Amino acid sequence: MNDVKAENTKGRRPDDPHVGLWTGGRTDAHIESPWAAAMYHYVQGGRAVIEMIVERFRERGRDFHDADTLIFPLGLQCRHLVELRLKELYGVLAREPAAKNHKLLDLWRRVRPLIEARWPTSNRSSSDRYGHLPREILEELGIVLRTEGDLDRAESLIAALDEIDPRGVSFRYPGTIPAHIKTASVEMIAETALELDEFLDGCLTGVQEENSIRPEMDAEFRD
């Protein structure tokens, strides 16, 4: 199969055994790109897969048979999405690649001090930040008021994912889930990952925005 040239596969059926997995015609995806661009597609694709799995689960009436099967690809993708986000944010803040480490809490404990150093008030709670807004606006923006600090909240969510999958293999292979964990919620795992993704993406956006205006500010102060 590896000897088949790409230009000779045009027009062949997808089930043709001589066609490689990387040539499907109109359905081809571009999987080779610079690191930053690739990371964007990895995380956006991961989030989309999580949302699609949960949507299917809800459309089928939250059937427990679906829960028993969907929890594994869902849990795998949820954990991987958070790991990618943590490594991406560490790379941006520390200006060096993240360590080759799959332990979420270890990665978070490297990222959190960098967030606190960059934004000293980053652990304010959502109640402190948005408590003055009318309830209608909070509901429209999807803001939930919590007294827990934002970083403390993120850490508690990461700790929950880390508990069920401490080494990144619990949803990949049978017999690897910690013995004390007997059940897991499809929706809660998804909501945990999506909330963390939103928070970490907000941090990344903040860094990018600050970096984009910094040259202008430096020039203004020089003048």
N, C-alpha and C. Protein backbone atom coordinates (compact mmCIF):
# COMPACT_ATOMS: atom_id res chain seq x y z
N MET A 1 0.82 -1.20 0.00
CA MET A 1 0.00 0.00 0.00
C MET A 1 0.86 1.26 0.00
N ASN A 2 2.01 1.20 0.66
CA ASN A 2 2.87 2.37 0.73
C ASN A 2 3.49 2.70 -0.62
N ASP A 3 3.50 1.71 -1.55
CA ASP A 3 4.13 1.94 -2.84
C ASP A 3 3.20 2.65 -3.82
N VAL A 4 1.94 2.80 -3.48
CA VAL A 4 0.99 3.46 -4.38
C VAL A 4 1.20 4.96 -4.33
N LYS A 5 1.41 5.57 -5.47
CA LYS A 5 1.62 7.01 -5.51
C LYS A 5 0.30 7.75 -5.38
N ALA A 6 0.34 8.93 -4.72
CA ALA A 6 -0.88 9.67 -4.45
C ALA A 6 -1.63 10.02 -5.73
N GLU A 7 -0.87 10.37 -6.79
CA GLU A 7 -1.54 10.82 -8.00
C GLU A 7 -2.27 9.67 -8.71
N ASN A 8 -1.93 8.45 -8.37
CA ASN A 8 -2.57 7.31 -9.02
C ASN A 8 -3.82 6.85 -8.28
N THR A 9 -4.14 7.47 -7.15
CA THR A 9 -5.29 7.04 -6.36
C THR A 9 -6.54 7.84 -6.66
N LYS A 10 -6.44 8.86 -7.51
CA LYS A 10 -7.60 9.69 -7.80
C LYS A 10 -8.67 8.86 -8.53
N GLY A 11 -9.88 9.02 -8.08
CA GLY A 11 -10.98 8.33 -8.71
C GLY A 11 -11.25 6.95 -8.17
N ARG A 12 -10.40 6.44 -7.30
CA ARG A 12 -10.65 5.13 -6.72
C ARG A 12 -11.65 5.20 -5.59
N ARG A 13 -12.36 4.12 -5.37
CA ARG A 13 -13.33 4.06 -4.29
C ARG A 13 -12.61 4.07 -2.94
N PRO A 14 -13.26 4.64 -1.89
CA PRO A 14 -12.66 4.64 -0.56
C PRO A 14 -12.34 3.25 -0.04
N ASP A 15 -13.10 2.22 -0.54
CA ASP A 15 -12.86 0.86 -0.05
C ASP A 15 -11.80 0.12 -0.86
N ASP A 16 -11.18 0.79 -1.83
CA ASP A 16 -10.12 0.18 -2.61
C ASP A 16 -8.95 -0.14 -1.69
N PRO A 17 -8.53 -1.39 -1.58
CA PRO A 17 -7.46 -1.75 -0.65
C PRO A 17 -6.11 -1.14 -0.98
N HIS A 18 -5.99 -0.59 -2.20
CA HIS A 18 -4.71 0.00 -2.60
C HIS A 18 -4.62 1.49 -2.27
N VAL A 19 -5.66 2.02 -1.67
CA VAL A 19 -5.66 3.44 -1.32
C VAL A 19 -5.22 3.60 0.13
N GLY A 20 -4.22 4.46 0.38
CA GLY A 20 -3.75 4.69 1.74
C GLY A 20 -4.76 5.48 2.54
N LEU A 21 -4.63 5.44 3.84
CA LEU A 21 -5.54 6.18 4.71
C LEU A 21 -5.42 7.68 4.53
N TRP A 22 -4.34 8.13 3.94
CA TRP A 22 -4.10 9.56 3.80
C TRP A 22 -4.65 10.13 2.49
N THR A 23 -5.32 9.33 1.69
CA THR A 23 -5.86 9.84 0.43
C THR A 23 -7.32 9.43 0.31
N GLY A 24 -8.21 10.38 0.56
CA GLY A 24 -9.63 10.07 0.46
C GLY A 24 -10.39 11.00 -0.44
N GLY A 25 -9.68 11.82 -1.22
CA GLY A 25 -10.36 12.75 -2.11
C GLY A 25 -10.91 13.95 -1.39
N ARG A 26 -12.22 14.18 -1.53
CA ARG A 26 -12.84 15.38 -0.96
C ARG A 26 -12.78 15.41 0.56
N THR A 27 -12.61 14.24 1.19
CA THR A 27 -12.62 14.19 2.65
C THR A 27 -11.23 14.33 3.26
N ASP A 28 -10.24 14.59 2.44
CA ASP A 28 -8.88 14.72 2.97
C ASP A 28 -8.78 15.86 3.96
N ALA A 29 -8.04 15.65 5.04
CA ALA A 29 -7.73 16.70 6.02
C ALA A 29 -6.25 17.01 5.95
N HIS A 30 -5.91 18.25 6.13
CA HIS A 30 -4.50 18.66 6.14
C HIS A 30 -3.95 18.44 7.55
N ILE A 31 -3.07 17.48 7.70
CA ILE A 31 -2.57 17.13 9.03
C ILE A 31 -1.12 17.52 9.24
N GLU A 32 -0.49 18.11 8.24
CA GLU A 32 0.88 18.58 8.41
C GLU A 32 0.87 20.10 8.37
N SER A 33 1.26 20.74 9.46
CA SER A 33 1.25 22.19 9.52
C SER A 33 2.18 22.64 10.64
N PRO A 34 2.56 23.94 10.69
CA PRO A 34 3.41 24.44 11.77
C PRO A 34 2.80 24.14 13.13
N TRP A 35 3.64 24.08 14.17
CA TRP A 35 3.21 23.64 15.50
C TRP A 35 2.02 24.45 16.01
N ALA A 36 2.09 25.77 15.93
CA ALA A 36 1.02 26.60 16.48
C ALA A 36 -0.29 26.36 15.75
N ALA A 37 -0.23 26.29 14.43
CA ALA A 37 -1.44 26.05 13.66
C ALA A 37 -1.99 24.66 13.94
N ALA A 38 -1.10 23.68 14.05
CA ALA A 38 -1.54 22.32 14.33
C ALA A 38 -2.21 22.24 15.70
N MET A 39 -1.65 22.91 16.69
CA MET A 39 -2.24 22.89 18.03
C MET A 39 -3.65 23.44 18.01
N TYR A 40 -3.86 24.50 17.25
CA TYR A 40 -5.20 25.07 17.14
C TYR A 40 -6.19 24.02 16.66
N HIS A 41 -5.82 23.28 15.61
CA HIS A 41 -6.72 22.28 15.07
C HIS A 41 -6.90 21.10 16.02
N TYR A 42 -5.85 20.74 16.73
CA TYR A 42 -5.97 19.65 17.70
C TYR A 42 -6.98 20.00 18.79
N VAL A 43 -6.87 21.18 19.36
CA VAL A 43 -7.75 21.53 20.48
C VAL A 43 -9.17 21.82 19.99
N GLN A 44 -9.30 22.49 18.85
CA GLN A 44 -10.64 22.76 18.34
C GLN A 44 -11.33 21.47 17.93
N GLY A 45 -10.57 20.57 17.32
CA GLY A 45 -11.14 19.28 16.95
C GLY A 45 -11.52 18.46 18.17
N GLY A 46 -10.67 18.52 19.20
CA GLY A 46 -10.97 17.80 20.44
C GLY A 46 -12.24 18.30 21.08
N ARG A 47 -12.39 19.60 21.14
CA ARG A 47 -13.61 20.18 21.72
C ARG A 47 -14.84 19.78 20.91
N ALA A 48 -14.71 19.81 19.59
CA ALA A 48 -15.85 19.45 18.73
C ALA A 48 -16.25 18.00 18.94
N VAL A 49 -15.29 17.10 19.08
CA VAL A 49 -15.60 15.69 19.30
C VAL A 49 -16.32 15.50 20.63
N ILE A 50 -15.86 16.17 21.67
CA ILE A 50 -16.53 16.09 22.98
C ILE A 50 -17.98 16.54 22.86
N GLU A 51 -18.20 17.66 22.22
CA GLU A 51 -19.55 18.18 22.07
C GLU A 51 -20.44 17.25 21.26
N MET A 52 -19.87 16.62 20.23
CA MET A 52 -20.66 15.71 19.40
C MET A 52 -21.05 14.45 20.18
N ILE A 53 -20.11 13.93 20.98
CA ILE A 53 -20.42 12.74 21.77
C ILE A 53 -21.53 13.03 22.78
N VAL A 54 -21.42 14.17 23.46
CA VAL A 54 -22.44 14.52 24.45
C VAL A 54 -23.78 14.77 23.77
N GLU A 55 -23.76 15.41 22.61
CA GLU A 55 -25.01 15.66 21.88
C GLU A 55 -25.67 14.34 21.50
N ARG A 56 -24.90 13.39 21.02
CA ARG A 56 -25.45 12.07 20.68
C ARG A 56 -26.04 11.40 21.92
N PHE A 57 -25.33 11.49 23.03
CA PHE A 57 -25.78 10.87 24.27
C PHE A 57 -27.12 11.45 24.71
N ARG A 58 -27.28 12.76 24.61
CA ARG A 58 -28.53 13.40 25.02
C ARG A 58 -29.65 13.12 24.04
N GLU A 59 -29.34 13.10 22.74
CA GLU A 59 -30.37 12.83 21.74
C GLU A 59 -30.96 11.44 21.90
N ARG A 60 -30.16 10.51 22.36
CA ARG A 60 -30.62 9.12 22.53
C ARG A 60 -31.19 8.87 23.92
N GLY A 61 -31.50 9.95 24.64
CA GLY A 61 -32.19 9.83 25.91
C GLY A 61 -31.33 9.44 27.08
N ARG A 62 -30.04 9.72 26.97
CA ARG A 62 -29.10 9.39 28.06
C ARG A 62 -29.17 7.90 28.42
N ASP A 63 -29.20 7.07 27.42
CA ASP A 63 -29.30 5.64 27.62
C ASP A 63 -28.07 5.11 28.34
N PHE A 64 -28.28 4.24 29.33
CA PHE A 64 -27.13 3.79 30.13
C PHE A 64 -26.21 2.88 29.32
N HIS A 65 -26.75 2.22 28.28
CA HIS A 65 -25.88 1.42 27.41
C HIS A 65 -24.92 2.34 26.65
N ASP A 66 -25.42 3.47 26.19
CA ASP A 66 -24.56 4.45 25.54
C ASP A 66 -23.51 4.98 26.51
N ALA A 67 -23.93 5.23 27.73
CA ALA A 67 -22.99 5.74 28.73
C ALA A 67 -21.83 4.78 28.94
N ASP A 68 -22.13 3.49 28.98
CA ASP A 68 -21.11 2.48 29.23
C ASP A 68 -20.08 2.40 28.11
N THR A 69 -20.46 2.80 26.90
CA THR A 69 -19.52 2.72 25.78
C THR A 69 -18.91 4.08 25.44
N LEU A 70 -19.72 5.13 25.49
CA LEU A 70 -19.23 6.46 25.12
C LEU A 70 -18.27 7.04 26.14
N ILE A 71 -18.33 6.58 27.39
CA ILE A 71 -17.49 7.16 28.43
C ILE A 71 -16.00 7.01 28.09
N PHE A 72 -15.64 5.95 27.36
CA PHE A 72 -14.22 5.71 27.12
C PHE A 72 -13.62 6.64 26.06
N PRO A 73 -14.20 6.75 24.86
CA PRO A 73 -13.65 7.74 23.92
C PRO A 73 -13.82 9.17 24.43
N LEU A 74 -14.92 9.41 25.15
CA LEU A 74 -15.15 10.75 25.69
C LEU A 74 -14.10 11.09 26.74
N GLY A 75 -13.91 10.20 27.71
CA GLY A 75 -12.94 10.46 28.76
C GLY A 75 -11.54 10.63 28.22
N LEU A 76 -11.18 9.82 27.24
CA LEU A 76 -9.86 9.93 26.61
C LEU A 76 -9.68 11.30 25.98
N GLN A 77 -10.70 11.76 25.24
CA GLN A 77 -10.59 13.05 24.56
C GLN A 77 -10.62 14.21 25.54
N CYS A 78 -11.44 14.10 26.59
CA CYS A 78 -11.52 15.18 27.58
C CYS A 78 -10.17 15.39 28.26
N ARG A 79 -9.58 14.30 28.69
CA ARG A 79 -8.30 14.42 29.38
C ARG A 79 -7.22 14.94 28.45
N HIS A 80 -7.21 14.44 27.22
CA HIS A 80 -6.19 14.86 26.26
C HIS A 80 -6.33 16.35 25.92
N LEU A 81 -7.57 16.81 25.80
CA LEU A 81 -7.79 18.23 25.51
C LEU A 81 -7.19 19.11 26.61
N VAL A 82 -7.44 18.75 27.86
CA VAL A 82 -6.91 19.55 28.97
C VAL A 82 -5.39 19.48 29.00
N GLU A 83 -4.83 18.31 28.74
CA GLU A 83 -3.36 18.19 28.72
C GLU A 83 -2.76 19.08 27.63
N LEU A 84 -3.36 19.07 26.45
CA LEU A 84 -2.86 19.92 25.36
C LEU A 84 -2.93 21.40 25.74
N ARG A 85 -4.05 21.81 26.33
CA ARG A 85 -4.22 23.21 26.71
C ARG A 85 -3.17 23.63 27.74
N LEU A 86 -2.92 22.77 28.73
CA LEU A 86 -1.92 23.10 29.75
C LEU A 86 -0.53 23.22 29.14
N LYS A 87 -0.19 22.32 28.25
CA LYS A 87 1.13 22.38 27.62
C LYS A 87 1.25 23.59 26.70
N GLU A 88 0.16 23.90 26.00
CA GLU A 88 0.17 25.08 25.13
C GLU A 88 0.35 26.35 25.95
N LEU A 89 -0.39 26.47 27.05
CA LEU A 89 -0.30 27.67 27.88
C LEU A 89 1.07 27.78 28.54
N TYR A 90 1.60 26.67 29.00
CA TYR A 90 2.95 26.71 29.59
C TYR A 90 3.96 27.19 28.57
N GLY A 91 3.89 26.68 27.35
CA GLY A 91 4.84 27.09 26.31
C GLY A 91 4.77 28.58 26.02
N VAL A 92 3.56 29.13 26.03
CA VAL A 92 3.40 30.56 25.75
C VAL A 92 3.91 31.42 26.91
N LEU A 93 3.60 31.01 28.14
CA LEU A 93 3.99 31.80 29.30
C LEU A 93 5.48 31.65 29.64
N ALA A 94 5.99 30.43 29.54
CA ALA A 94 7.39 30.18 29.92
C ALA A 94 8.34 30.37 28.75
N ARG A 95 7.80 30.42 27.54
CA ARG A 95 8.60 30.56 26.33
C ARG A 95 9.59 29.41 26.18
N GLU A 96 9.12 28.24 26.52
CA GLU A 96 9.89 27.01 26.34
C GLU A 96 8.90 25.86 26.28
N PRO A 97 9.27 24.75 25.64
CA PRO A 97 8.34 23.62 25.56
C PRO A 97 8.03 23.05 26.93
N ALA A 98 6.83 22.55 27.08
CA ALA A 98 6.46 21.89 28.32
C ALA A 98 7.20 20.57 28.45
N ALA A 99 7.40 20.14 29.67
CA ALA A 99 8.06 18.87 29.92
C ALA A 99 7.24 17.73 29.35
N LYS A 100 7.91 16.64 28.97
CA LYS A 100 7.20 15.46 28.47
C LYS A 100 6.60 14.72 29.65
N ASN A 101 5.47 15.22 30.08
CA ASN A 101 4.82 14.74 31.28
C ASN A 101 3.32 14.65 30.99
N HIS A 102 2.70 13.56 31.35
CA HIS A 102 1.28 13.39 31.09
C HIS A 102 0.43 13.56 32.34
N LYS A 103 1.03 13.95 33.45
CA LYS A 103 0.28 14.10 34.70
C LYS A 103 -0.30 15.51 34.77
N LEU A 104 -1.61 15.58 34.79
CA LEU A 104 -2.29 16.87 34.71
C LEU A 104 -1.93 17.79 35.87
N LEU A 105 -1.92 17.27 37.08
CA LEU A 105 -1.63 18.13 38.24
C LEU A 105 -0.19 18.63 38.20
N ASP A 106 0.73 17.80 37.75
CA ASP A 106 2.12 18.26 37.62
C ASP A 106 2.20 19.41 36.62
N LEU A 107 1.51 19.25 35.49
CA LEU A 107 1.51 20.31 34.48
C LEU A 107 0.87 21.58 35.04
N TRP A 108 -0.25 21.42 35.74
CA TRP A 108 -0.93 22.59 36.30
C TRP A 108 -0.05 23.31 37.32
N ARG A 109 0.68 22.58 38.13
CA ARG A 109 1.53 23.20 39.14
C ARG A 109 2.71 23.94 38.54
N ARG A 110 3.00 23.68 37.28
CA ARG A 110 3.98 24.48 36.55
C ARG A 110 3.33 25.71 35.93
N VAL A 111 2.07 25.56 35.52
CA VAL A 111 1.38 26.65 34.84
C VAL A 111 0.85 27.69 35.82
N ARG A 112 0.29 27.26 36.94
CA ARG A 112 -0.37 28.19 37.85
C ARG A 112 0.53 29.34 38.32
N PRO A 113 1.77 29.07 38.77
CA PRO A 113 2.61 30.19 39.18
C PRO A 113 2.88 31.19 38.07
N LEU A 114 2.93 30.71 36.83
CA LEU A 114 3.15 31.62 35.70
C LEU A 114 1.93 32.51 35.47
N ILE A 115 0.74 31.94 35.65
CA ILE A 115 -0.48 32.74 35.53
C ILE A 115 -0.51 33.80 36.63
N GLU A 116 -0.21 33.38 37.86
CA GLU A 116 -0.25 34.32 39.00
C GLU A 116 0.79 35.41 38.86
N ALA A 117 1.95 35.08 38.29
CA ALA A 117 2.99 36.09 38.09
C ALA A 117 2.58 37.10 37.03
N ARG A 118 1.89 36.63 36.02
CA ARG A 118 1.47 37.52 34.93
C ARG A 118 0.26 38.35 35.32
N TRP A 119 -0.70 37.73 36.02
CA TRP A 119 -1.91 38.41 36.44
C TRP A 119 -2.11 38.19 37.93
N PRO A 120 -1.59 39.06 38.78
CA PRO A 120 -1.64 38.86 40.23
C PRO A 120 -3.05 38.70 40.80
N THR A 121 -4.05 39.22 40.13
CA THR A 121 -5.44 39.11 40.64
C THR A 121 -6.22 37.99 39.96
N SER A 122 -5.51 37.07 39.34
CA SER A 122 -6.19 36.05 38.53
C SER A 122 -7.00 35.06 39.35
N ASN A 123 -6.80 35.01 40.67
CA ASN A 123 -7.56 34.05 41.47
C ASN A 123 -8.82 34.66 42.08
N ARG A 124 -9.24 35.82 41.60
CA ARG A 124 -10.52 36.37 42.04
C ARG A 124 -11.65 35.45 41.62
N SER A 125 -12.72 35.46 42.39
CA SER A 125 -13.86 34.61 42.07
C SER A 125 -14.75 35.29 41.03
N SER A 126 -15.61 34.50 40.42
CA SER A 126 -16.55 35.08 39.46
C SER A 126 -17.54 35.99 40.16
N SER A 127 -17.82 35.73 41.44
CA SER A 127 -18.70 36.62 42.19
C SER A 127 -18.05 38.00 42.35
N ASP A 128 -16.75 38.03 42.62
CA ASP A 128 -16.03 39.30 42.73
C ASP A 128 -15.99 40.04 41.41
N ARG A 129 -15.80 39.29 40.33
CA ARG A 129 -15.65 39.91 39.02
C ARG A 129 -16.98 40.40 38.45
N TYR A 130 -18.02 39.59 38.60
CA TYR A 130 -19.25 39.86 37.87
C TYR A 130 -20.49 39.99 38.75
N GLY A 131 -20.30 39.95 40.06
CA GLY A 131 -21.44 39.99 40.96
C GLY A 131 -22.29 41.24 40.85
N HIS A 132 -21.73 42.32 40.29
CA HIS A 132 -22.46 43.58 40.17
C HIS A 132 -23.39 43.60 38.95
N LEU A 133 -23.26 42.61 38.06
CA LEU A 133 -24.07 42.62 36.84
C LEU A 133 -25.47 42.08 37.12
N PRO A 134 -26.47 42.59 36.40
CA PRO A 134 -27.84 42.08 36.56
C PRO A 134 -27.93 40.60 36.19
N ARG A 135 -28.87 39.89 36.79
CA ARG A 135 -29.00 38.46 36.56
C ARG A 135 -29.25 38.14 35.09
N GLU A 136 -30.03 39.00 34.40
CA GLU A 136 -30.35 38.75 33.00
C GLU A 136 -29.08 38.72 32.15
N ILE A 137 -28.17 39.64 32.44
CA ILE A 137 -26.91 39.69 31.67
C ILE A 137 -26.05 38.48 31.99
N LEU A 138 -26.00 38.10 33.26
CA LEU A 138 -25.23 36.92 33.64
C LEU A 138 -25.74 35.68 32.91
N GLU A 139 -27.06 35.53 32.84
CA GLU A 139 -27.63 34.38 32.16
C GLU A 139 -27.35 34.42 30.66
N GLU A 140 -27.42 35.62 30.08
CA GLU A 140 -27.16 35.75 28.65
C GLU A 140 -25.71 35.40 28.32
N LEU A 141 -24.79 35.78 29.20
CA LEU A 141 -23.37 35.50 28.98
C LEU A 141 -22.96 34.12 29.47
N GLY A 142 -23.86 33.43 30.14
CA GLY A 142 -23.54 32.10 30.64
C GLY A 142 -22.58 32.10 31.82
N ILE A 143 -22.59 33.17 32.61
CA ILE A 143 -21.68 33.30 33.75
C ILE A 143 -22.34 32.72 35.00
N VAL A 144 -21.63 31.82 35.66
CA VAL A 144 -22.09 31.25 36.93
C VAL A 144 -21.30 31.90 38.05
N LEU A 145 -22.01 32.48 39.02
CA LEU A 145 -21.32 33.15 40.12
C LEU A 145 -20.85 32.11 41.13
N ARG A 146 -19.55 32.16 41.44
CA ARG A 146 -18.97 31.26 42.44
C ARG A 146 -18.08 32.07 43.37
N THR A 147 -18.04 31.66 44.61
CA THR A 147 -17.16 32.33 45.57
C THR A 147 -15.74 31.77 45.51
N GLU A 148 -15.59 30.62 44.89
CA GLU A 148 -14.28 29.98 44.75
C GLU A 148 -13.44 30.75 43.74
N GLY A 149 -12.15 30.97 44.05
CA GLY A 149 -11.26 31.66 43.14
C GLY A 149 -11.13 30.92 41.81
N ASP A 150 -10.89 31.67 40.73
CA ASP A 150 -10.83 31.06 39.40
C ASP A 150 -9.73 30.01 39.31
N LEU A 151 -8.56 30.30 39.85
CA LEU A 151 -7.46 29.34 39.79
C LEU A 151 -7.72 28.15 40.70
N ASP A 152 -8.31 28.41 41.86
CA ASP A 152 -8.67 27.31 42.75
C ASP A 152 -9.71 26.41 42.10
N ARG A 153 -10.65 27.03 41.41
CA ARG A 153 -11.68 26.27 40.69
C ARG A 153 -11.03 25.40 39.62
N ALA A 154 -10.15 25.97 38.83
CA ALA A 154 -9.47 25.21 37.79
C ALA A 154 -8.69 24.05 38.40
N GLU A 155 -8.02 24.32 39.51
CA GLU A 155 -7.23 23.26 40.13
C GLU A 155 -8.11 22.12 40.64
N SER A 156 -9.26 22.44 41.18
CA SER A 156 -10.15 21.38 41.67
C SER A 156 -10.67 20.53 40.51
N LEU A 157 -10.94 21.15 39.37
CA LEU A 157 -11.42 20.40 38.21
C LEU A 157 -10.31 19.52 37.64
N ILE A 158 -9.10 20.07 37.57
CA ILE A 158 -7.96 19.29 37.08
C ILE A 158 -7.69 18.12 38.01
N ALA A 159 -7.80 18.36 39.32
CA ALA A 159 -7.58 17.29 40.30
C ALA A 159 -8.60 16.17 40.12
N ALA A 160 -9.85 16.54 39.77
CA ALA A 160 -10.88 15.53 39.55
C ALA A 160 -10.56 14.65 38.35
N LEU A 161 -10.10 15.27 37.25
CA LEU A 161 -9.71 14.50 36.08
C LEU A 161 -8.48 13.65 36.39
N ASP A 162 -7.56 14.21 37.14
CA ASP A 162 -6.33 13.50 37.49
C ASP A 162 -6.63 12.29 38.37
N GLU A 163 -7.65 12.41 39.21
CA GLU A 163 -7.98 11.30 40.10
C GLU A 163 -8.49 10.10 39.32
N ILE A 164 -9.33 10.34 38.34
CA ILE A 164 -9.90 9.22 37.58
C ILE A 164 -8.92 8.69 36.53
N ASP A 165 -7.99 9.54 36.10
CA ASP A 165 -7.03 9.11 35.07
C ASP A 165 -5.66 9.73 35.37
N PRO A 166 -4.95 9.22 36.37
CA PRO A 166 -3.70 9.85 36.79
C PRO A 166 -2.54 9.72 35.80
N ARG A 167 -2.58 8.70 34.94
CA ARG A 167 -1.44 8.46 34.04
C ARG A 167 -1.80 8.58 32.56
N GLY A 168 -3.03 8.96 32.28
CA GLY A 168 -3.42 9.12 30.89
C GLY A 168 -3.72 7.80 30.19
N VAL A 169 -4.04 6.74 30.95
CA VAL A 169 -4.33 5.45 30.32
C VAL A 169 -5.68 4.87 30.75
N SER A 170 -6.36 5.50 31.71
CA SER A 170 -7.58 4.92 32.26
C SER A 170 -8.66 4.70 31.21
N PHE A 171 -8.75 5.59 30.23
CA PHE A 171 -9.78 5.47 29.20
C PHE A 171 -9.23 4.82 27.93
N ARG A 172 -7.97 4.40 27.98
CA ARG A 172 -7.36 3.80 26.80
C ARG A 172 -7.33 2.28 26.87
N TYR A 173 -7.13 1.74 28.07
CA TYR A 173 -6.98 0.29 28.20
C TYR A 173 -7.83 -0.24 29.36
N PRO A 174 -8.40 -1.42 29.22
CA PRO A 174 -9.15 -2.03 30.33
C PRO A 174 -8.24 -2.29 31.53
N GLY A 175 -8.83 -2.24 32.71
CA GLY A 175 -8.09 -2.58 33.91
C GLY A 175 -7.15 -1.51 34.42
N THR A 176 -7.29 -0.28 33.93
CA THR A 176 -6.36 0.79 34.33
C THR A 176 -7.03 1.88 35.16
N ILE A 177 -8.35 1.84 35.31
CA ILE A 177 -9.04 2.84 36.12
C ILE A 177 -8.77 2.55 37.60
N PRO A 178 -8.46 3.57 38.39
CA PRO A 178 -8.21 3.35 39.82
C PRO A 178 -9.32 2.54 40.48
N ALA A 179 -8.94 1.64 41.36
CA ALA A 179 -9.88 0.66 41.91
C ALA A 179 -11.03 1.29 42.68
N HIS A 180 -10.81 2.46 43.28
CA HIS A 180 -11.86 3.06 44.11
C HIS A 180 -12.93 3.77 43.28
N ILE A 181 -12.72 3.90 41.98
CA ILE A 181 -13.70 4.58 41.12
C ILE A 181 -14.53 3.53 40.39
N LYS A 182 -15.83 3.54 40.64
CA LYS A 182 -16.73 2.53 40.07
C LYS A 182 -17.60 3.08 38.95
N THR A 183 -17.94 4.36 38.99
CA THR A 183 -18.79 4.96 37.97
C THR A 183 -18.22 6.33 37.58
N ALA A 184 -18.65 6.81 36.41
CA ALA A 184 -18.25 8.15 35.96
C ALA A 184 -19.38 8.72 35.12
N SER A 185 -19.61 10.00 35.25
CA SER A 185 -20.70 10.67 34.55
C SER A 185 -20.23 11.20 33.20
N VAL A 186 -20.91 10.77 32.13
CA VAL A 186 -20.59 11.26 30.79
C VAL A 186 -20.65 12.78 30.75
N GLU A 187 -21.75 13.34 31.24
CA GLU A 187 -21.95 14.78 31.13
C GLU A 187 -21.01 15.57 32.04
N MET A 188 -20.75 15.06 33.24
CA MET A 188 -19.88 15.81 34.16
C MET A 188 -18.43 15.83 33.68
N ILE A 189 -17.95 14.72 33.13
CA ILE A 189 -16.59 14.71 32.59
C ILE A 189 -16.48 15.69 31.43
N ALA A 190 -17.49 15.68 30.56
CA ALA A 190 -17.47 16.60 29.41
C ALA A 190 -17.53 18.05 29.88
N GLU A 191 -18.42 18.35 30.81
CA GLU A 191 -18.56 19.72 31.30
C GLU A 191 -17.29 20.19 32.01
N THR A 192 -16.63 19.27 32.71
CA THR A 192 -15.37 19.61 33.38
C THR A 192 -14.30 20.00 32.36
N ALA A 193 -14.15 19.17 31.34
CA ALA A 193 -13.15 19.43 30.32
C ALA A 193 -13.44 20.71 29.54
N LEU A 194 -14.71 20.93 29.20
CA LEU A 194 -15.07 22.12 28.43
C LEU A 194 -14.90 23.39 29.25
N GLU A 195 -15.20 23.33 30.55
CA GLU A 195 -14.99 24.50 31.41
C GLU A 195 -13.50 24.82 31.52
N LEU A 196 -12.68 23.79 31.69
CA LEU A 196 -11.23 24.02 31.75
C LEU A 196 -10.70 24.54 30.43
N ASP A 197 -11.20 24.00 29.33
CA ASP A 197 -10.78 24.47 28.01
C ASP A 197 -11.09 25.94 27.84
N GLU A 198 -12.27 26.35 28.26
CA GLU A 198 -12.66 27.76 28.15
C GLU A 198 -11.76 28.66 29.01
N PHE A 199 -11.48 28.21 30.24
CA PHE A 199 -10.63 29.00 31.13
C PHE A 199 -9.21 29.12 30.59
N LEU A 200 -8.61 28.01 30.19
CA LEU A 200 -7.23 28.02 29.69
C LEU A 200 -7.12 28.76 28.37
N ASP A 201 -8.15 28.63 27.53
CA ASP A 201 -8.17 29.39 26.28
C ASP A 201 -8.26 30.88 26.56
N GLY A 202 -9.01 31.27 27.61
CA GLY A 202 -9.08 32.68 27.99
C GLY A 202 -7.71 33.21 28.41
N CYS A 203 -6.95 32.39 29.13
CA CYS A 203 -5.60 32.79 29.51
C CYS A 203 -4.71 32.97 28.28
N LEU A 204 -4.81 32.04 27.34
CA LEU A 204 -4.03 32.14 26.11
C LEU A 204 -4.40 33.39 25.32
N THR A 205 -5.68 33.66 25.23
CA THR A 205 -6.13 34.86 24.52
C THR A 205 -5.60 36.11 25.19
N GLY A 206 -5.60 36.13 26.52
CA GLY A 206 -5.07 37.28 27.25
C GLY A 206 -3.60 37.53 26.94
N VAL A 207 -2.81 36.47 26.90
CA VAL A 207 -1.39 36.61 26.58
C VAL A 207 -1.22 37.14 25.16
N GLN A 208 -1.97 36.57 24.22
CA GLN A 208 -1.85 37.00 22.83
C GLN A 208 -2.24 38.46 22.66
N GLU A 209 -3.29 38.89 23.34
CA GLU A 209 -3.71 40.29 23.23
C GLU A 209 -2.67 41.22 23.84
N GLU A 210 -2.13 40.84 24.98
CA GLU A 210 -1.09 41.66 25.60
C GLU A 210 0.14 41.75 24.72
N ASN A 211 0.52 40.63 24.13
CA ASN A 211 1.70 40.63 23.27
C ASN A 211 1.48 41.46 22.01
N SER A 212 0.24 41.52 21.54
CA SER A 212 -0.04 42.27 20.31
C SER A 212 0.01 43.77 20.54
N ILE A 213 -0.36 44.23 21.74
CA ILE A 213 -0.36 45.67 22.00
C ILE A 213 0.93 46.16 22.66
N ARG A 214 1.77 45.23 23.12
CA ARG A 214 2.98 45.64 23.82
C ARG A 214 3.92 46.48 22.96
N PRO A 215 4.17 46.10 21.68
CA PRO A 215 5.04 46.96 20.85
C PRO A 215 4.52 48.39 20.74
N GLU A 216 3.19 48.55 20.62
CA GLU A 216 2.62 49.88 20.52
C GLU A 216 2.84 50.66 21.82
N MET A 217 2.67 50.00 22.95
CA MET A 217 2.87 50.66 24.22
C MET A 217 4.33 51.04 24.43
N ASP A 218 5.24 50.14 24.06
CA ASP A 218 6.65 50.45 24.19
C ASP A 218 7.03 51.64 23.34
N ALA A 219 6.51 51.70 22.12
CA ALA A 219 6.81 52.82 21.22
C ALA A 219 6.25 54.12 21.79
N GLU A 220 5.05 54.05 22.38
CA GLU A 220 4.43 55.25 22.95
C GLU A 220 5.25 55.78 24.12
N PHE A 221 5.75 54.89 24.98
CA PHE A 221 6.54 55.33 26.12
C PHE A 221 7.89 55.87 25.67
N ARG A 222 8.44 55.31 24.59
CA ARG A 222 9.73 55.80 24.10
C ARG A 222 9.56 57.23 23.57
N ASP A 223 8.40 57.48 22.94
CA ASP A 223 8.16 58.82 22.39
C ASP A 223 7.93 59.83 23.51
